[in-house]
Amino acid sequence: MGRQIWNRILVFVLAIQTLLLIFIVCSQEQQAPPPVGAFSFTHEYTLPGTPEVIYDAITGDISGWLDHSFSEEPFKLYIDAKPGGGFYEIFDESGDGVLHATVIAAQRGKMLRFTGPLGLAGNAIALVNTYTFKTIGDDSTRLTLNVHAAGEMDPEWPAVVEQVWRHFLGERFMNFVAP
């Protein structure tokens, strides 16, 4: 008879725990899914130098003109311009860092395409960024940036992303190649 009592107590305790678990799950606020959306934009810049010179300046070590990073003073900041390469920010000598984007297409002096969240890391968003290079006159290049984004979307992000790219290319990079 003692065993039957313990079995009943155990069943009762399990039933109470189950009811508490159901109550907790049901009483928790259901989080609304984040808003989703898409945006795109294009910027064009005329820069001094051949397409190959401009391509080389906008890839490799980009710490001379890119002034936004996750770390205060990155150890390295560069674009490895080959398919499967990346847009890297290395924090320190040990190699800690972040891959901001992955290069998915590269053709020196003609086109570079990379995909990744860039500064929006940690959010469910995909950005595809494409640089194209076209000879203008004898010694100038038209650099065209096309950005396409889709996924989790804060309403302010399209304007912020566009402004950041305008800052990077229209101010920082332009001054880097034509001081």
Foldseek 3Di string as FASTA:
>chain_A
DVVVVVVVVVVVVVVVVVVVVVVVVVPDDDDDDFDKDKDKDKDKDKAFFALLVLLVQVFAFVVQFDDDFPDNDFPTFGFPQDQQTFGWTARDPVRDTDGQWGWHDHDRSAKTWTKHNRVNPPFFKIKIWMWGWDDDPDGMIMTMIMIMMIDRDDPCVVVVVVVSVCCRVVPRSRVVRPD
